[in-house]
């Protein structure tokens, strides 16, 4: 896990920056934080979508007020994953006990983080998921489709996330403000309509 690699660096007095999740075990993650506090070094967690230029530009437009007061957001994500992805190193991805969940936890949390970065504190959230229909159900199998809604102060967002195999990867975010709207992908700002 990330904590396994970060802890020796912290113990050596080095600052660390890790991708999420720090660890799937809360106590182990807290241990990393405690070690950083004890060694007086910086330890942080990132979500890489915050560094995608088009998504950074979308945030800049949101924060500048160019869209006007925010009203609505729709997020559609297709990140197809093959069986090889799930059977990869450690075999943790298809198991709820190791991954914490399917689409929402290892994948969708990036989107929740991005929306939080755009819109601020979450007021409420709800969602539902579907499990793979092509493989026999395992008791701890993770979902491969997630649909959700998140409410923020003055704005709402809907998410559709699928990791079912097939097709191309794509992330699209449409943000509607009172004055204008924009459509961003994980690679470009497609439209900023006035």
N, C-alpha and C. Protein backbone atom coordinates (compact mmCIF):
# COMPACT_ATOMS: atom_id res chain seq x y z
N UNK A 1 0.85 -1.19 0.00
CA UNK A 1 0.00 0.00 0.00
C UNK A 1 0.88 1.24 0.00
N UNK A 2 0.27 2.39 -0.19
CA UNK A 2 1.03 3.64 -0.19
C UNK A 2 1.69 3.88 1.16
N UNK A 3 1.02 3.51 2.23
CA UNK A 3 1.60 3.70 3.56
C UNK A 3 2.87 2.89 3.72
N UNK A 4 2.91 1.70 3.15
CA UNK A 4 4.11 0.86 3.26
C UNK A 4 5.33 1.52 2.63
N UNK A 5 5.12 2.28 1.57
CA UNK A 5 6.23 2.96 0.92
C UNK A 5 6.54 4.30 1.58
N UNK A 6 5.53 4.97 2.09
CA UNK A 6 5.70 6.29 2.67
C UNK A 6 6.33 6.25 4.06
N UNK A 7 6.01 5.25 4.86
CA UNK A 7 6.49 5.21 6.23
C UNK A 7 8.02 5.23 6.33
N UNK A 8 8.74 4.42 5.57
CA UNK A 8 10.21 4.50 5.66
C UNK A 8 10.75 5.89 5.31
N UNK A 9 10.13 6.55 4.33
CA UNK A 9 10.58 7.90 3.96
C UNK A 9 10.34 8.87 5.12
N UNK A 10 9.19 8.78 5.74
CA UNK A 10 8.89 9.64 6.90
C UNK A 10 9.86 9.36 8.03
N UNK A 11 10.09 8.09 8.32
CA UNK A 11 11.03 7.72 9.39
C UNK A 11 12.43 8.23 9.10
N UNK A 12 12.77 8.41 7.82
CA UNK A 12 14.07 8.97 7.43
C UNK A 12 14.05 10.49 7.42
N UNK A 13 12.92 11.09 7.83
CA UNK A 13 12.82 12.54 7.90
C UNK A 13 12.47 13.22 6.60
N UNK A 14 11.91 12.48 5.66
CA UNK A 14 11.54 13.04 4.35
C UNK A 14 10.05 13.36 4.29
N UNK A 15 9.71 14.43 3.61
CA UNK A 15 8.31 14.75 3.35
C UNK A 15 7.78 13.78 2.30
N UNK A 16 6.51 13.43 2.38
CA UNK A 16 5.92 12.52 1.40
C UNK A 16 4.59 13.06 0.88
N UNK A 17 4.31 12.72 -0.35
CA UNK A 17 3.03 13.02 -0.98
C UNK A 17 2.60 11.74 -1.67
N UNK A 18 1.47 11.19 -1.26
CA UNK A 18 1.01 9.92 -1.81
C UNK A 18 -0.34 10.09 -2.48
N UNK A 19 -0.61 9.20 -3.41
CA UNK A 19 -1.92 9.12 -4.05
C UNK A 19 -2.88 8.45 -3.07
N UNK A 20 -4.15 8.70 -3.23
CA UNK A 20 -5.13 8.02 -2.40
C UNK A 20 -5.22 6.57 -2.83
N UNK A 21 -5.61 5.66 -2.03
CA UNK A 21 -5.76 5.79 -0.59
C UNK A 21 -4.41 5.67 0.10
N UNK A 22 -4.28 6.33 1.23
CA UNK A 22 -3.06 6.17 2.01
C UNK A 22 -2.90 4.70 2.35
N UNK A 23 -4.00 4.10 2.78
CA UNK A 23 -4.04 2.66 3.09
C UNK A 23 -5.51 2.28 3.22
N UNK A 24 -5.83 1.02 3.05
CA UNK A 24 -7.21 0.58 3.24
C UNK A 24 -7.51 0.29 4.70
N UNK A 25 -6.48 0.32 5.52
CA UNK A 25 -6.62 0.12 6.96
C UNK A 25 -6.50 1.47 7.65
N UNK A 26 -7.55 1.91 8.32
CA UNK A 26 -7.58 3.22 8.95
C UNK A 26 -6.47 3.38 9.99
N UNK A 27 -6.24 2.36 10.78
CA UNK A 27 -5.19 2.45 11.80
C UNK A 27 -3.81 2.63 11.18
N UNK A 28 -3.58 1.95 10.06
CA UNK A 28 -2.30 2.08 9.37
C UNK A 28 -2.14 3.50 8.80
N UNK A 29 -3.22 4.04 8.26
CA UNK A 29 -3.19 5.41 7.74
C UNK A 29 -2.95 6.40 8.88
N UNK A 30 -3.61 6.21 9.99
CA UNK A 30 -3.38 7.09 11.15
C UNK A 30 -1.95 6.96 11.66
N UNK A 31 -1.39 5.75 11.60
CA UNK A 31 -0.01 5.55 12.01
C UNK A 31 0.95 6.35 11.16
N UNK A 32 0.64 6.49 9.87
CA UNK A 32 1.46 7.30 8.98
C UNK A 32 1.41 8.77 9.40
N UNK A 33 0.21 9.24 9.72
CA UNK A 33 0.04 10.62 10.17
C UNK A 33 0.78 10.84 11.49
N UNK A 34 0.68 9.91 12.40
CA UNK A 34 1.36 10.02 13.69
C UNK A 34 2.88 10.04 13.51
N UNK A 35 3.39 9.21 12.60
CA UNK A 35 4.84 9.20 12.33
C UNK A 35 5.28 10.55 11.76
N UNK A 36 4.48 11.12 10.85
CA UNK A 36 4.81 12.43 10.29
C UNK A 36 4.81 13.50 11.37
N UNK A 37 3.84 13.45 12.27
CA UNK A 37 3.81 14.41 13.38
C UNK A 37 5.03 14.25 14.28
N UNK A 38 5.38 13.01 14.58
CA UNK A 38 6.51 12.72 15.46
C UNK A 38 7.82 13.19 14.83
N UNK A 39 7.99 12.99 13.53
CA UNK A 39 9.21 13.36 12.83
C UNK A 39 9.19 14.82 12.34
N UNK A 40 8.05 15.48 12.53
CA UNK A 40 7.84 16.87 12.10
C UNK A 40 8.16 17.02 10.61
N UNK A 41 7.53 16.17 9.80
CA UNK A 41 7.65 16.26 8.35
C UNK A 41 6.24 16.36 7.74
N UNK A 42 6.19 16.91 6.57
CA UNK A 42 4.93 17.05 5.86
C UNK A 42 4.57 15.74 5.20
N UNK A 43 3.33 15.31 5.37
CA UNK A 43 2.80 14.13 4.68
C UNK A 43 1.44 14.53 4.12
N UNK A 44 1.22 14.30 2.84
CA UNK A 44 -0.03 14.68 2.22
C UNK A 44 -0.55 13.64 1.26
N UNK A 45 -1.81 13.81 0.88
CA UNK A 45 -2.49 12.92 -0.05
C UNK A 45 -3.02 13.77 -1.20
N UNK A 46 -2.89 13.27 -2.42
CA UNK A 46 -3.38 14.01 -3.57
C UNK A 46 -4.39 13.18 -4.36
N UNK A 47 -5.12 13.87 -5.19
CA UNK A 47 -5.96 13.24 -6.19
C UNK A 47 -5.55 13.86 -7.52
N UNK A 48 -5.07 13.04 -8.45
CA UNK A 48 -4.41 13.55 -9.64
C UNK A 48 -5.30 14.38 -10.57
N UNK A 49 -6.61 14.26 -10.50
CA UNK A 49 -7.45 15.05 -11.40
C UNK A 49 -7.30 16.55 -11.14
N UNK A 50 -6.90 16.93 -9.94
CA UNK A 50 -6.69 18.35 -9.64
C UNK A 50 -5.54 18.94 -10.44
N UNK A 51 -4.72 18.11 -11.04
CA UNK A 51 -3.57 18.58 -11.80
C UNK A 51 -3.77 18.47 -13.31
N UNK A 52 -4.94 18.06 -13.75
CA UNK A 52 -5.25 17.99 -15.18
C UNK A 52 -5.54 19.42 -15.66
N UNK A 53 -4.77 19.94 -16.63
CA UNK A 53 -4.91 21.35 -17.03
C UNK A 53 -6.33 21.80 -17.35
N UNK A 54 -7.10 21.00 -18.07
CA UNK A 54 -8.46 21.43 -18.42
C UNK A 54 -9.35 21.54 -17.18
N UNK A 55 -9.17 20.65 -16.23
CA UNK A 55 -9.97 20.68 -15.01
C UNK A 55 -9.52 21.79 -14.07
N UNK A 56 -8.24 22.13 -14.13
CA UNK A 56 -7.73 23.28 -13.38
C UNK A 56 -8.31 24.57 -13.97
N UNK A 57 -8.37 24.65 -15.30
CA UNK A 57 -8.94 25.84 -15.97
C UNK A 57 -10.42 25.98 -15.63
N UNK A 58 -11.15 24.86 -15.58
CA UNK A 58 -12.56 24.91 -15.20
C UNK A 58 -12.70 25.50 -13.79
N UNK A 59 -11.87 25.08 -12.86
CA UNK A 59 -11.93 25.62 -11.50
C UNK A 59 -11.61 27.11 -11.49
N UNK A 60 -10.62 27.51 -12.29
CA UNK A 60 -10.27 28.92 -12.38
C UNK A 60 -11.48 29.74 -12.84
N UNK A 61 -12.20 29.25 -13.85
CA UNK A 61 -13.39 29.95 -14.34
C UNK A 61 -14.49 29.99 -13.27
N UNK A 62 -14.66 28.88 -12.56
CA UNK A 62 -15.65 28.84 -11.49
C UNK A 62 -15.31 29.85 -10.42
N UNK A 63 -14.07 29.82 -9.95
CA UNK A 63 -13.64 30.69 -8.85
C UNK A 63 -13.62 32.16 -9.23
N UNK A 64 -13.41 32.46 -10.51
CA UNK A 64 -13.39 33.86 -10.96
C UNK A 64 -14.79 34.46 -11.02
N UNK A 65 -15.82 33.61 -10.95
CA UNK A 65 -17.19 34.10 -11.07
C UNK A 65 -17.67 34.21 -12.50
N UNK A 66 -16.86 33.78 -13.47
CA UNK A 66 -17.20 33.91 -14.89
C UNK A 66 -18.50 33.19 -15.25
N UNK A 67 -18.85 32.13 -14.53
CA UNK A 67 -20.06 31.38 -14.83
C UNK A 67 -21.28 31.97 -14.13
N UNK A 68 -21.05 32.87 -13.20
CA UNK A 68 -22.12 33.37 -12.35
C UNK A 68 -22.34 32.38 -11.22
N UNK A 69 -23.36 32.60 -10.42
CA UNK A 69 -23.64 31.63 -9.35
C UNK A 69 -23.85 30.24 -9.93
N UNK A 70 -23.22 29.24 -9.32
CA UNK A 70 -23.32 27.88 -9.82
C UNK A 70 -24.67 27.28 -9.52
N UNK A 71 -25.19 26.51 -10.48
CA UNK A 71 -26.51 25.92 -10.34
C UNK A 71 -26.49 24.40 -10.37
N UNK A 72 -25.77 23.84 -11.36
CA UNK A 72 -25.92 22.42 -11.64
C UNK A 72 -24.63 21.87 -12.25
N UNK A 73 -24.43 20.58 -12.05
CA UNK A 73 -23.26 19.92 -12.63
C UNK A 73 -23.64 18.47 -12.96
N UNK A 74 -23.20 18.01 -14.12
CA UNK A 74 -23.37 16.61 -14.51
C UNK A 74 -22.01 16.04 -14.84
N UNK A 75 -21.71 14.87 -14.30
CA UNK A 75 -20.44 14.20 -14.54
C UNK A 75 -20.74 12.82 -15.11
N UNK A 76 -20.13 12.51 -16.25
CA UNK A 76 -20.26 11.18 -16.86
C UNK A 76 -18.86 10.64 -17.06
N UNK A 77 -18.62 9.45 -16.54
CA UNK A 77 -17.29 8.86 -16.63
C UNK A 77 -17.40 7.42 -17.10
N UNK A 78 -16.60 7.09 -18.12
CA UNK A 78 -16.42 5.71 -18.57
C UNK A 78 -14.95 5.40 -18.43
N UNK A 79 -14.61 4.59 -17.48
CA UNK A 79 -13.24 4.13 -17.30
C UNK A 79 -13.26 2.62 -17.38
N UNK A 80 -13.39 2.05 -18.59
CA UNK A 80 -13.48 0.59 -18.72
C UNK A 80 -12.25 -0.10 -18.12
N UNK A 81 -12.50 -1.17 -17.41
CA UNK A 81 -11.43 -1.94 -16.78
C UNK A 81 -11.55 -3.39 -17.23
N UNK A 82 -10.44 -3.94 -17.64
CA UNK A 82 -10.42 -5.34 -18.09
C UNK A 82 -10.26 -6.26 -16.89
N UNK A 83 -10.42 -7.53 -17.13
CA UNK A 83 -10.22 -8.52 -16.08
C UNK A 83 -8.78 -8.47 -15.56
N UNK A 84 -7.83 -8.18 -16.46
CA UNK A 84 -6.43 -8.06 -16.05
C UNK A 84 -6.25 -6.97 -15.00
N UNK A 85 -6.99 -5.88 -15.14
CA UNK A 85 -6.91 -4.80 -14.15
C UNK A 85 -7.31 -5.32 -12.77
N UNK A 86 -8.40 -6.08 -12.71
CA UNK A 86 -8.88 -6.58 -11.43
C UNK A 86 -8.00 -7.69 -10.86
N UNK A 87 -7.35 -8.43 -11.74
CA UNK A 87 -6.49 -9.52 -11.28
C UNK A 87 -5.04 -9.07 -11.11
N UNK A 88 -4.78 -7.77 -11.26
CA UNK A 88 -3.43 -7.22 -11.19
C UNK A 88 -2.76 -7.42 -9.84
N UNK A 89 -1.64 -6.74 -9.64
CA UNK A 89 -0.83 -6.92 -8.43
C UNK A 89 -1.66 -6.86 -7.15
N UNK A 90 -1.56 -7.90 -6.37
CA UNK A 90 -2.25 -7.95 -5.09
C UNK A 90 -3.69 -8.40 -5.17
N UNK A 91 -4.30 -8.33 -6.35
CA UNK A 91 -5.68 -8.76 -6.53
C UNK A 91 -6.68 -8.08 -5.61
N UNK A 92 -6.41 -6.83 -5.20
CA UNK A 92 -7.26 -6.15 -4.22
C UNK A 92 -8.47 -5.47 -4.85
N UNK A 93 -8.41 -5.12 -6.11
CA UNK A 93 -9.46 -4.28 -6.70
C UNK A 93 -10.86 -4.89 -6.72
N UNK A 94 -11.03 -6.20 -6.96
CA UNK A 94 -12.40 -6.70 -7.01
C UNK A 94 -12.95 -7.10 -5.64
N UNK A 95 -12.23 -6.87 -4.58
CA UNK A 95 -12.65 -7.32 -3.26
C UNK A 95 -13.00 -6.14 -2.37
N UNK A 96 -14.23 -6.12 -1.90
CA UNK A 96 -14.71 -5.02 -1.07
C UNK A 96 -13.84 -4.81 0.17
N UNK A 97 -13.41 -5.89 0.80
CA UNK A 97 -12.62 -5.77 2.03
C UNK A 97 -11.29 -5.06 1.78
N UNK A 98 -10.71 -5.22 0.60
CA UNK A 98 -9.44 -4.57 0.30
C UNK A 98 -9.62 -3.21 -0.36
N UNK A 99 -10.58 -3.09 -1.26
CA UNK A 99 -10.74 -1.86 -2.04
C UNK A 99 -11.69 -0.87 -1.39
N UNK A 100 -12.56 -1.33 -0.51
CA UNK A 100 -13.52 -0.44 0.12
C UNK A 100 -14.77 -0.25 -0.72
N UNK A 101 -14.74 -0.64 -1.97
CA UNK A 101 -15.85 -0.49 -2.89
C UNK A 101 -15.32 -0.56 -4.30
N UNK A 102 -16.21 -0.52 -5.27
CA UNK A 102 -15.80 -0.63 -6.67
C UNK A 102 -15.68 0.72 -7.32
N UNK A 103 -16.66 1.12 -8.09
CA UNK A 103 -16.58 2.37 -8.83
C UNK A 103 -16.41 3.58 -7.93
N UNK A 104 -17.14 3.63 -6.85
CA UNK A 104 -17.10 4.84 -6.03
C UNK A 104 -15.79 4.99 -5.27
N UNK A 105 -15.29 3.96 -4.66
CA UNK A 105 -14.11 4.12 -3.81
C UNK A 105 -12.81 4.28 -4.60
N UNK A 106 -12.31 3.28 -5.31
CA UNK A 106 -11.03 3.49 -5.97
C UNK A 106 -11.09 4.45 -7.16
N UNK A 107 -12.24 4.56 -7.82
CA UNK A 107 -12.34 5.39 -9.03
C UNK A 107 -13.11 6.68 -8.78
N UNK A 108 -14.34 6.55 -8.33
CA UNK A 108 -15.23 7.71 -8.20
C UNK A 108 -14.82 8.72 -7.16
N UNK A 109 -14.01 8.31 -6.19
CA UNK A 109 -13.59 9.25 -5.16
C UNK A 109 -12.82 10.41 -5.78
N UNK A 110 -12.16 10.17 -6.93
CA UNK A 110 -11.48 11.25 -7.64
C UNK A 110 -12.49 12.32 -8.06
N UNK A 111 -13.66 11.89 -8.50
CA UNK A 111 -14.69 12.83 -8.95
C UNK A 111 -15.32 13.56 -7.77
N UNK A 112 -15.58 12.84 -6.70
CA UNK A 112 -16.12 13.48 -5.50
C UNK A 112 -15.14 14.55 -5.01
N UNK A 113 -13.86 14.22 -5.00
CA UNK A 113 -12.84 15.18 -4.60
C UNK A 113 -12.84 16.39 -5.54
N UNK A 114 -12.95 16.16 -6.85
CA UNK A 114 -12.96 17.25 -7.82
C UNK A 114 -14.17 18.16 -7.61
N UNK A 115 -15.34 17.57 -7.40
CA UNK A 115 -16.54 18.37 -7.17
C UNK A 115 -16.44 19.17 -5.87
N UNK A 116 -15.88 18.56 -4.85
CA UNK A 116 -15.65 19.27 -3.58
C UNK A 116 -14.71 20.44 -3.80
N UNK A 117 -13.68 20.24 -4.61
CA UNK A 117 -12.71 21.28 -4.95
C UNK A 117 -13.40 22.42 -5.71
N UNK A 118 -14.34 22.08 -6.58
CA UNK A 118 -15.06 23.08 -7.35
C UNK A 118 -16.12 23.83 -6.53
N UNK A 119 -16.92 23.08 -5.79
CA UNK A 119 -18.14 23.64 -5.20
C UNK A 119 -18.12 23.85 -3.69
N UNK A 120 -17.15 23.31 -3.00
CA UNK A 120 -17.09 23.49 -1.55
C UNK A 120 -17.69 22.31 -0.80
N UNK A 121 -18.10 22.60 0.41
CA UNK A 121 -18.57 21.54 1.31
C UNK A 121 -19.82 20.84 0.79
N UNK A 122 -19.86 19.53 1.00
CA UNK A 122 -21.01 18.71 0.61
C UNK A 122 -22.07 18.82 1.70
N UNK A 123 -23.32 19.08 1.27
CA UNK A 123 -24.44 19.18 2.19
C UNK A 123 -25.11 17.82 2.37
N UNK A 124 -25.31 17.11 1.26
CA UNK A 124 -25.90 15.77 1.32
C UNK A 124 -25.49 14.99 0.07
N UNK A 125 -25.61 13.67 0.17
CA UNK A 125 -25.26 12.81 -0.95
C UNK A 125 -26.09 11.54 -0.89
N UNK A 126 -26.38 10.98 -2.07
CA UNK A 126 -27.08 9.70 -2.15
C UNK A 126 -26.62 9.00 -3.42
N UNK A 127 -26.84 7.70 -3.48
CA UNK A 127 -26.43 6.98 -4.67
C UNK A 127 -26.90 5.55 -4.68
N UNK A 128 -26.67 4.91 -5.81
CA UNK A 128 -26.98 3.49 -5.95
C UNK A 128 -25.93 2.89 -6.88
N UNK A 129 -25.83 1.58 -6.85
CA UNK A 129 -24.83 0.91 -7.67
C UNK A 129 -25.38 -0.38 -8.27
N UNK A 130 -24.68 -0.85 -9.28
CA UNK A 130 -25.00 -2.12 -9.92
C UNK A 130 -23.75 -3.00 -9.86
N UNK A 131 -23.99 -4.30 -9.79
CA UNK A 131 -22.89 -5.25 -9.73
C UNK A 131 -22.75 -5.95 -11.07
N UNK A 132 -21.56 -6.45 -11.39
CA UNK A 132 -21.34 -7.10 -12.69
C UNK A 132 -22.34 -8.22 -12.94
N UNK A 133 -22.83 -8.26 -14.17
CA UNK A 133 -23.78 -9.30 -14.55
C UNK A 133 -23.11 -10.40 -15.36
N UNK A 134 -21.86 -10.16 -15.74
CA UNK A 134 -21.18 -11.11 -16.62
C UNK A 134 -20.39 -12.16 -15.88
N UNK A 135 -20.16 -11.97 -14.59
CA UNK A 135 -19.36 -12.92 -13.82
C UNK A 135 -20.18 -13.40 -12.63
N UNK A 136 -19.87 -14.59 -12.13
CA UNK A 136 -20.58 -15.07 -10.94
C UNK A 136 -20.36 -14.12 -9.76
N UNK A 137 -21.40 -13.89 -9.01
CA UNK A 137 -21.31 -12.99 -7.86
C UNK A 137 -20.47 -13.60 -6.76
N UNK A 138 -19.52 -12.86 -6.27
CA UNK A 138 -18.75 -13.25 -5.09
C UNK A 138 -19.33 -12.47 -3.92
N UNK A 139 -19.29 -13.01 -2.71
CA UNK A 139 -19.89 -12.32 -1.57
C UNK A 139 -19.32 -10.93 -1.32
N UNK A 140 -18.05 -10.71 -1.67
CA UNK A 140 -17.45 -9.40 -1.41
C UNK A 140 -17.10 -8.66 -2.70
N UNK A 141 -17.79 -8.99 -3.78
CA UNK A 141 -17.54 -8.37 -5.08
C UNK A 141 -17.90 -6.88 -5.04
N UNK A 142 -17.20 -6.09 -5.85
CA UNK A 142 -17.45 -4.65 -5.89
C UNK A 142 -18.32 -4.28 -7.08
N UNK A 143 -18.99 -3.14 -6.97
CA UNK A 143 -19.86 -2.66 -8.04
C UNK A 143 -19.03 -2.18 -9.23
N UNK A 144 -19.67 -2.13 -10.42
CA UNK A 144 -18.99 -1.60 -11.59
C UNK A 144 -19.77 -0.48 -12.26
N UNK A 145 -20.89 -0.07 -11.68
CA UNK A 145 -21.64 1.10 -12.13
C UNK A 145 -22.14 1.82 -10.88
N UNK A 146 -21.96 3.15 -10.87
CA UNK A 146 -22.44 3.95 -9.75
C UNK A 146 -23.19 5.16 -10.29
N UNK A 147 -24.33 5.46 -9.70
CA UNK A 147 -25.11 6.67 -9.99
C UNK A 147 -25.29 7.41 -8.67
N UNK A 148 -25.05 8.71 -8.67
CA UNK A 148 -25.18 9.43 -7.42
C UNK A 148 -25.58 10.88 -7.61
N UNK A 149 -25.97 11.48 -6.50
CA UNK A 149 -26.32 12.90 -6.46
C UNK A 149 -25.68 13.51 -5.24
N UNK A 150 -25.10 14.69 -5.43
CA UNK A 150 -24.46 15.41 -4.34
C UNK A 150 -25.02 16.82 -4.32
N UNK A 151 -25.40 17.29 -3.13
CA UNK A 151 -25.87 18.66 -2.97
C UNK A 151 -24.79 19.48 -2.28
N UNK A 152 -24.58 20.69 -2.80
CA UNK A 152 -23.67 21.67 -2.21
C UNK A 152 -24.51 22.90 -1.89
N UNK A 153 -23.96 23.86 -1.20
CA UNK A 153 -24.67 25.11 -0.96
C UNK A 153 -24.92 25.79 -2.31
N UNK A 154 -26.17 25.88 -2.75
CA UNK A 154 -26.51 26.59 -3.98
C UNK A 154 -26.28 25.83 -5.27
N UNK A 155 -25.81 24.60 -5.24
CA UNK A 155 -25.56 23.85 -6.47
C UNK A 155 -25.77 22.37 -6.20
N UNK A 156 -25.98 21.63 -7.29
CA UNK A 156 -26.11 20.18 -7.15
C UNK A 156 -25.32 19.51 -8.27
N UNK A 157 -24.97 18.25 -8.04
CA UNK A 157 -24.21 17.50 -9.04
C UNK A 157 -24.77 16.10 -9.14
N UNK A 158 -24.75 15.56 -10.36
CA UNK A 158 -25.12 14.18 -10.60
C UNK A 158 -23.92 13.47 -11.21
N UNK A 159 -23.71 12.23 -10.78
CA UNK A 159 -22.58 11.45 -11.27
C UNK A 159 -23.06 10.16 -11.89
N UNK A 160 -22.46 9.78 -12.99
CA UNK A 160 -22.63 8.44 -13.56
C UNK A 160 -21.23 7.93 -13.82
N UNK A 161 -20.89 6.81 -13.21
CA UNK A 161 -19.55 6.25 -13.34
C UNK A 161 -19.66 4.78 -13.67
N UNK A 162 -18.94 4.35 -14.70
CA UNK A 162 -18.95 2.94 -15.09
C UNK A 162 -17.54 2.48 -15.40
N UNK A 163 -17.19 1.32 -14.86
CA UNK A 163 -15.90 0.70 -15.18
C UNK A 163 -16.11 -0.62 -15.93
N UNK A 164 -17.32 -0.84 -16.44
CA UNK A 164 -17.57 -2.06 -17.22
C UNK A 164 -16.67 -2.08 -18.44
N UNK A 165 -16.19 -3.27 -18.78
CA UNK A 165 -15.26 -3.42 -19.90
C UNK A 165 -15.92 -3.00 -21.20
N UNK A 166 -15.09 -2.54 -22.12
CA UNK A 166 -15.55 -2.18 -23.45
C UNK A 166 -15.62 -0.68 -23.64
N UNK A 167 -15.33 -0.24 -24.85
CA UNK A 167 -15.40 1.17 -25.17
C UNK A 167 -14.15 1.91 -24.74
N UNK A 168 -14.16 3.21 -25.00
CA UNK A 168 -13.03 4.07 -24.68
C UNK A 168 -13.25 4.76 -23.35
N UNK A 169 -12.15 5.12 -22.70
CA UNK A 169 -12.23 5.91 -21.47
C UNK A 169 -12.63 7.33 -21.80
N UNK A 170 -13.46 7.92 -20.95
CA UNK A 170 -13.90 9.30 -21.16
C UNK A 170 -14.41 9.87 -19.86
N UNK A 171 -14.08 11.12 -19.61
CA UNK A 171 -14.60 11.85 -18.47
C UNK A 171 -15.14 13.17 -18.99
N UNK A 172 -16.38 13.49 -18.68
CA UNK A 172 -16.98 14.75 -19.09
C UNK A 172 -17.70 15.40 -17.92
N UNK A 173 -17.50 16.71 -17.78
CA UNK A 173 -18.14 17.46 -16.71
C UNK A 173 -18.80 18.69 -17.32
N UNK A 174 -20.11 18.82 -17.15
CA UNK A 174 -20.81 20.02 -17.59
C UNK A 174 -21.22 20.79 -16.34
N UNK A 175 -20.80 22.05 -16.30
CA UNK A 175 -21.10 22.90 -15.15
C UNK A 175 -21.93 24.07 -15.64
N UNK A 176 -23.08 24.27 -15.02
CA UNK A 176 -24.01 25.31 -15.42
C UNK A 176 -24.04 26.39 -14.34
N UNK A 177 -23.79 27.61 -14.78
CA UNK A 177 -23.90 28.76 -13.90
C UNK A 177 -25.07 29.61 -14.33
N UNK A 178 -25.37 30.64 -13.58
CA UNK A 178 -26.49 31.53 -13.90
C UNK A 178 -26.22 32.32 -15.19
N UNK A 179 -24.96 32.61 -15.52
CA UNK A 179 -24.62 33.39 -16.71
C UNK A 179 -24.21 32.55 -17.90
N UNK A 180 -23.48 31.46 -17.66
CA UNK A 180 -22.94 30.67 -18.76
C UNK A 180 -22.64 29.26 -18.27
N UNK A 181 -22.17 28.41 -19.16
CA UNK A 181 -21.84 27.04 -18.78
C UNK A 181 -20.56 26.62 -19.46
N UNK A 182 -19.98 25.54 -18.97
CA UNK A 182 -18.79 25.00 -19.60
C UNK A 182 -18.87 23.48 -19.62
N UNK A 183 -18.15 22.91 -20.56
CA UNK A 183 -18.03 21.47 -20.67
C UNK A 183 -16.54 21.16 -20.72
N UNK A 184 -16.09 20.38 -19.75
CA UNK A 184 -14.68 20.03 -19.67
C UNK A 184 -14.54 18.51 -19.71
N UNK A 185 -13.43 18.06 -20.28
CA UNK A 185 -13.08 16.65 -20.21
C UNK A 185 -11.78 16.55 -19.43
N UNK A 186 -11.30 15.33 -19.27
CA UNK A 186 -10.04 15.16 -18.57
C UNK A 186 -8.85 15.60 -19.43
N UNK A 187 -9.11 16.06 -20.66
CA UNK A 187 -8.00 16.49 -21.51
C UNK A 187 -8.17 17.88 -22.11
N UNK A 188 -9.38 18.43 -22.11
CA UNK A 188 -9.55 19.75 -22.71
C UNK A 188 -10.83 20.42 -22.23
N UNK A 189 -10.80 21.75 -22.30
CA UNK A 189 -11.99 22.53 -22.03
C UNK A 189 -12.69 22.65 -23.38
N UNK A 190 -13.78 21.90 -23.55
CA UNK A 190 -14.43 21.81 -24.86
C UNK A 190 -15.26 23.02 -25.20
N UNK A 191 -15.92 23.59 -24.19
CA UNK A 191 -16.82 24.70 -24.50
C UNK A 191 -16.95 25.59 -23.28
N UNK A 192 -16.90 26.85 -23.53
CA UNK A 192 -17.25 27.83 -22.52
C UNK A 192 -18.19 28.78 -23.21
N UNK A 193 -19.45 28.60 -23.00
CA UNK A 193 -20.48 29.28 -23.77
C UNK A 193 -20.95 30.53 -23.02
N UNK A 194 -20.97 31.67 -23.74
CA UNK A 194 -21.47 32.91 -23.12
C UNK A 194 -22.77 33.32 -23.76
